[in-house]
Amino acid sequence: AVVSTQSTGGGKKISEKKVIRWAKKQIKTVNDNLEVSKINNEAWSNGVAMITLLSAVKPEVINWEYVTTENPNEEEKQQNISYALTIARKLGAILFCGPDAILSGNHKMITLFC
């Protein structure tokens, strides 16, 4: 969404590894305590890392009152992910996944979000 592995940087394809490294760095600027060492960990699959990444890029678009960050249940995880996907689309991202793909921890879909 924010960057894609299909994007080019100066005419070169950006590797998945670089995209993930960039996303992690951006997230740490907003919340240094959020555990995002692995792309398919809980912070990604509950939507919090996705929302934090969007906040790093454009902080004014996130209303944290809509986000459950502490121990979200399955419904709250779904709501977090749906919120992240909605915000990304409003920012112009073209996404080819729904909340279920993220909730299940689908590594490829999470990477494409980045």
C-alpha atoms as a PDB file:
ATOM      1  CA  ALA A   1       0.000   0.000   0.000  1.00  0.00           C
ATOM      2  CA  VAL A   2       2.501   2.549   1.113  1.00  0.00           C
ATOM      3  CA  VAL A   3       5.246   0.889  -0.910  1.00  0.00           C
ATOM      4  CA  SER A   4       5.021  -2.266  -2.980  1.00  0.00           C
ATOM      5  CA  THR A   5       7.494  -4.926  -3.952  1.00  0.00           C
ATOM      6  CA  GLN A   6       6.439  -4.118  -7.519  1.00  0.00           C
ATOM      7  CA  SER A   7       7.396  -0.453  -7.114  1.00  0.00           C
ATOM      8  CA  THR A   8      10.599   0.828  -8.515  1.00  0.00           C
ATOM      9  CA  GLY A   9      13.143   2.989  -6.822  1.00  0.00           C
ATOM     10  CA  GLY A  10      15.268   4.809  -9.367  1.00  0.00           C
ATOM     11  CA  GLY A  11      14.354   2.246 -12.013  1.00  0.00           C
ATOM     12  CA  LYS A  12      15.157  -0.729  -9.793  1.00  0.00           C
ATOM     13  CA  LYS A  13      12.785  -3.252  -8.292  1.00  0.00           C
ATOM     14  CA  ILE A  14      12.498  -2.895  -4.532  1.00  0.00           C
ATOM     15  CA  SER A  15      13.058  -6.182  -2.732  1.00  0.00           C
ATOM     16  CA  GLU A  16      10.628  -7.597  -0.200  1.00  0.00           C
ATOM     17  CA  LYS A  17      13.410  -7.494   2.387  1.00  0.00           C
ATOM     18  CA  LYS A  18      13.864  -3.737   1.877  1.00  0.00           C
ATOM     19  CA  VAL A  19      10.124  -3.118   2.095  1.00  0.00           C
ATOM     20  CA  ILE A  20       9.889  -4.989   5.391  1.00  0.00           C
ATOM     21  CA  ARG A  21      12.963  -3.229   6.791  1.00  0.00           C
ATOM     22  CA  TRP A  22      11.475   0.150   5.788  1.00  0.00           C
ATOM     23  CA  ALA A  23       8.094  -0.699   7.383  1.00  0.00           C
ATOM     24  CA  LYS A  24       9.720  -1.802  10.646  1.00  0.00           C
ATOM     25  CA  LYS A  25      11.801   1.389  10.776  1.00  0.00           C
ATOM     26  CA  GLN A  26       8.706   3.545  10.202  1.00  0.00           C
ATOM     27  CA  ILE A  27       6.730   1.704  12.896  1.00  0.00           C
ATOM     28  CA  LYS A  28       9.537   2.190  15.428  1.00  0.00           C
ATOM     29  CA  THR A  29       9.314   5.987  14.907  1.00  0.00           C
ATOM     30  CA  VAL A  30       5.742   5.867  16.250  1.00  0.00           C
ATOM     31  CA  ASN A  31       5.951   3.058  18.814  1.00  0.00           C
ATOM     32  CA  ASP A  32       9.363   1.756  19.759  1.00  0.00           C
ATOM     33  CA  ASN A  33       7.775  -0.869  22.038  1.00  0.00           C
ATOM     34  CA  LEU A  34       5.664  -2.536  19.356  1.00  0.00           C
ATOM     35  CA  GLU A  35       7.109  -5.959  18.509  1.00  0.00           C
ATOM     36  CA  VAL A  36       7.352  -6.218  14.723  1.00  0.00           C
ATOM     37  CA  SER A  37      10.477  -8.330  14.334  1.00  0.00           C
ATOM     38  CA  LYS A  38       8.617 -10.910  12.246  1.00  0.00           C
ATOM     39  CA  ILE A  39       6.146  -9.925   9.547  1.00  0.00           C
ATOM     40  CA  ASN A  40       3.614 -12.535  10.615  1.00  0.00           C
ATOM     41  CA  ASN A  41       3.601 -11.948  14.365  1.00  0.00           C
ATOM     42  CA  GLU A  42       0.641 -10.849  16.483  1.00  0.00           C
ATOM     43  CA  ALA A  43       1.136  -7.095  15.966  1.00  0.00           C
ATOM     44  CA  TRP A  44       0.721  -7.580  12.226  1.00  0.00           C
ATOM     45  CA  SER A  45      -2.121 -10.099  12.348  1.00  0.00           C
ATOM     46  CA  ASN A  46      -4.173  -7.990  14.784  1.00  0.00           C
ATOM     47  CA  GLY A  47      -3.847  -4.852  12.649  1.00  0.00           C
ATOM     48  CA  VAL A  48      -1.960  -2.731  15.161  1.00  0.00           C
ATOM     49  CA  ALA A  49       1.318  -2.731  13.210  1.00  0.00           C
ATOM     50  CA  MET A  50      -0.566  -1.836  10.015  1.00  0.00           C
ATOM     51  CA  ILE A  51      -2.262   1.126  11.698  1.00  0.00           C
ATOM     52  CA  THR A  52       1.014   2.198  13.277  1.00  0.00           C
ATOM     53  CA  LEU A  53       2.695   2.119   9.856  1.00  0.00           C
ATOM     54  CA  LEU A  54      -0.068   4.302   8.424  1.00  0.00           C
ATOM     55  CA  SER A  55       0.349   6.635  11.397  1.00  0.00           C
ATOM     56  CA  ALA A  56       4.079   6.912  10.691  1.00  0.00           C
ATOM     57  CA  VAL A  57       3.379   7.945   7.108  1.00  0.00           C
ATOM     58  CA  LYS A  58       0.381  10.205   7.722  1.00  0.00           C
ATOM     59  CA  PRO A  59      -0.378  10.620  11.459  1.00  0.00           C
ATOM     60  CA  GLU A  60      -3.376  12.887  11.030  1.00  0.00           C
ATOM     61  CA  VAL A  61      -5.471  10.166   9.356  1.00  0.00           C
ATOM     62  CA  ILE A  62      -5.488   7.789  12.324  1.00  0.00           C
ATOM     63  CA  ASN A  63      -8.055   8.101  15.085  1.00  0.00           C
ATOM     64  CA  TRP A  64      -6.629   5.886  17.817  1.00  0.00           C
ATOM     65  CA  GLU A  65     -10.011   5.824  19.584  1.00  0.00           C
ATOM     66  CA  TYR A  66     -11.093   3.292  16.927  1.00  0.00           C
ATOM     67  CA  VAL A  67      -8.116   0.997  17.543  1.00  0.00           C
ATOM     68  CA  THR A  68      -7.872  -1.748  20.163  1.00  0.00           C
ATOM     69  CA  THR A  69      -4.180  -2.065  20.971  1.00  0.00           C
ATOM     70  CA  GLU A  70      -4.252  -4.073  24.203  1.00  0.00           C
ATOM     71  CA  ASN A  71      -5.198  -7.749  23.888  1.00  0.00           C
ATOM     72  CA  PRO A  72      -7.809  -7.401  21.135  1.00  0.00           C
ATOM     73  CA  ASN A  73     -10.289 -10.255  20.789  1.00  0.00           C
ATOM     74  CA  GLU A  74     -11.042 -11.749  17.345  1.00  0.00           C
ATOM     75  CA  GLU A  75     -13.756  -9.193  16.561  1.00  0.00           C
ATOM     76  CA  GLU A  76     -11.520  -6.293  17.597  1.00  0.00           C
ATOM     77  CA  LYS A  77      -8.662  -7.667  15.484  1.00  0.00           C
ATOM     78  CA  GLN A  78     -11.019  -7.796  12.498  1.00  0.00           C
ATOM     79  CA  GLN A  79     -12.095  -4.210  13.194  1.00  0.00           C
ATOM     80  CA  ASN A  80      -8.470  -3.037  13.482  1.00  0.00           C
ATOM     81  CA  ILE A  81      -7.553  -4.658  10.183  1.00  0.00           C
ATOM     82  CA  SER A  82     -10.658  -3.330   8.431  1.00  0.00           C
ATOM     83  CA  TYR A  83      -9.844   0.152   9.733  1.00  0.00           C
ATOM     84  CA  ALA A  84      -6.245  -0.102   8.458  1.00  0.00           C
ATOM     85  CA  LEU A  85      -7.388  -1.299   5.031  1.00  0.00           C
ATOM     86  CA  THR A  86     -10.006   1.470   4.820  1.00  0.00           C
ATOM     87  CA  ILE A  87      -7.469   4.161   5.699  1.00  0.00           C
ATOM     88  CA  ALA A  88      -4.945   2.756   3.214  1.00  0.00           C
ATOM     89  CA  ARG A  89      -7.591   2.807   0.458  1.00  0.00           C
ATOM     90  CA  LYS A  90      -8.533   6.385   1.336  1.00  0.00           C
ATOM     91  CA  LEU A  91      -4.866   7.272   0.941  1.00  0.00           C
ATOM     92  CA  GLY A  92      -4.943   5.810  -2.572  1.00  0.00           C
ATOM     93  CA  ALA A  93      -3.635   2.291  -2.003  1.00  0.00           C
ATOM     94  CA  ILE A  94      -4.861  -0.455  -4.272  1.00  0.00           C
ATOM     95  CA  LEU A  95      -5.252  -3.520  -2.092  1.00  0.00           C
ATOM     96  CA  PHE A  96      -5.988  -7.051  -3.182  1.00  0.00           C
ATOM     97  CA  CYS A  97      -6.725  -8.576   0.192  1.00  0.00           C
ATOM     98  CA  GLY A  98      -9.360  -8.462   2.847  1.00  0.00           C
ATOM     99  CA  PRO A  99      -9.185  -8.629   6.623  1.00  0.00           C
ATOM    100  CA  ASP A 100      -9.241 -12.454   6.688  1.00  0.00           C
ATOM    101  CA  ALA A 101      -5.938 -12.737   4.817  1.00  0.00           C
ATOM    102  CA  ILE A 102      -4.241 -10.434   7.322  1.00  0.00           C
ATOM    103  CA  LEU A 103      -5.955 -11.972  10.345  1.00  0.00           C
ATOM    104  CA  SER A 104      -4.683 -15.402   9.334  1.00  0.00           C
ATOM    105  CA  GLY A 105      -1.129 -14.024   9.270  1.00  0.00           C
ATOM    106  CA  ASN A 106      -0.662 -14.375   5.494  1.00  0.00           C
ATOM    107  CA  HIS A 107       2.933 -13.175   5.104  1.00  0.00           C
ATOM    108  CA  LYS A 108       2.559 -12.197   1.443  1.00  0.00           C
ATOM    109  CA  MET A 109      -0.598 -10.124   2.015  1.00  0.00           C
ATOM    110  CA  ILE A 110       0.945  -8.338   4.980  1.00  0.00           C
ATOM    111  CA  THR A 111       4.040  -7.554   2.930  1.00  0.00           C
ATOM    112  CA  LEU A 112       1.898  -6.226   0.085  1.00  0.00           C
ATOM    113  CA  PHE A 113       0.180  -3.915   2.565  1.00  0.00           C
ATOM    114  CA  CYS A 114       3.567  -2.390   3.387  1.00  0.00           C
END
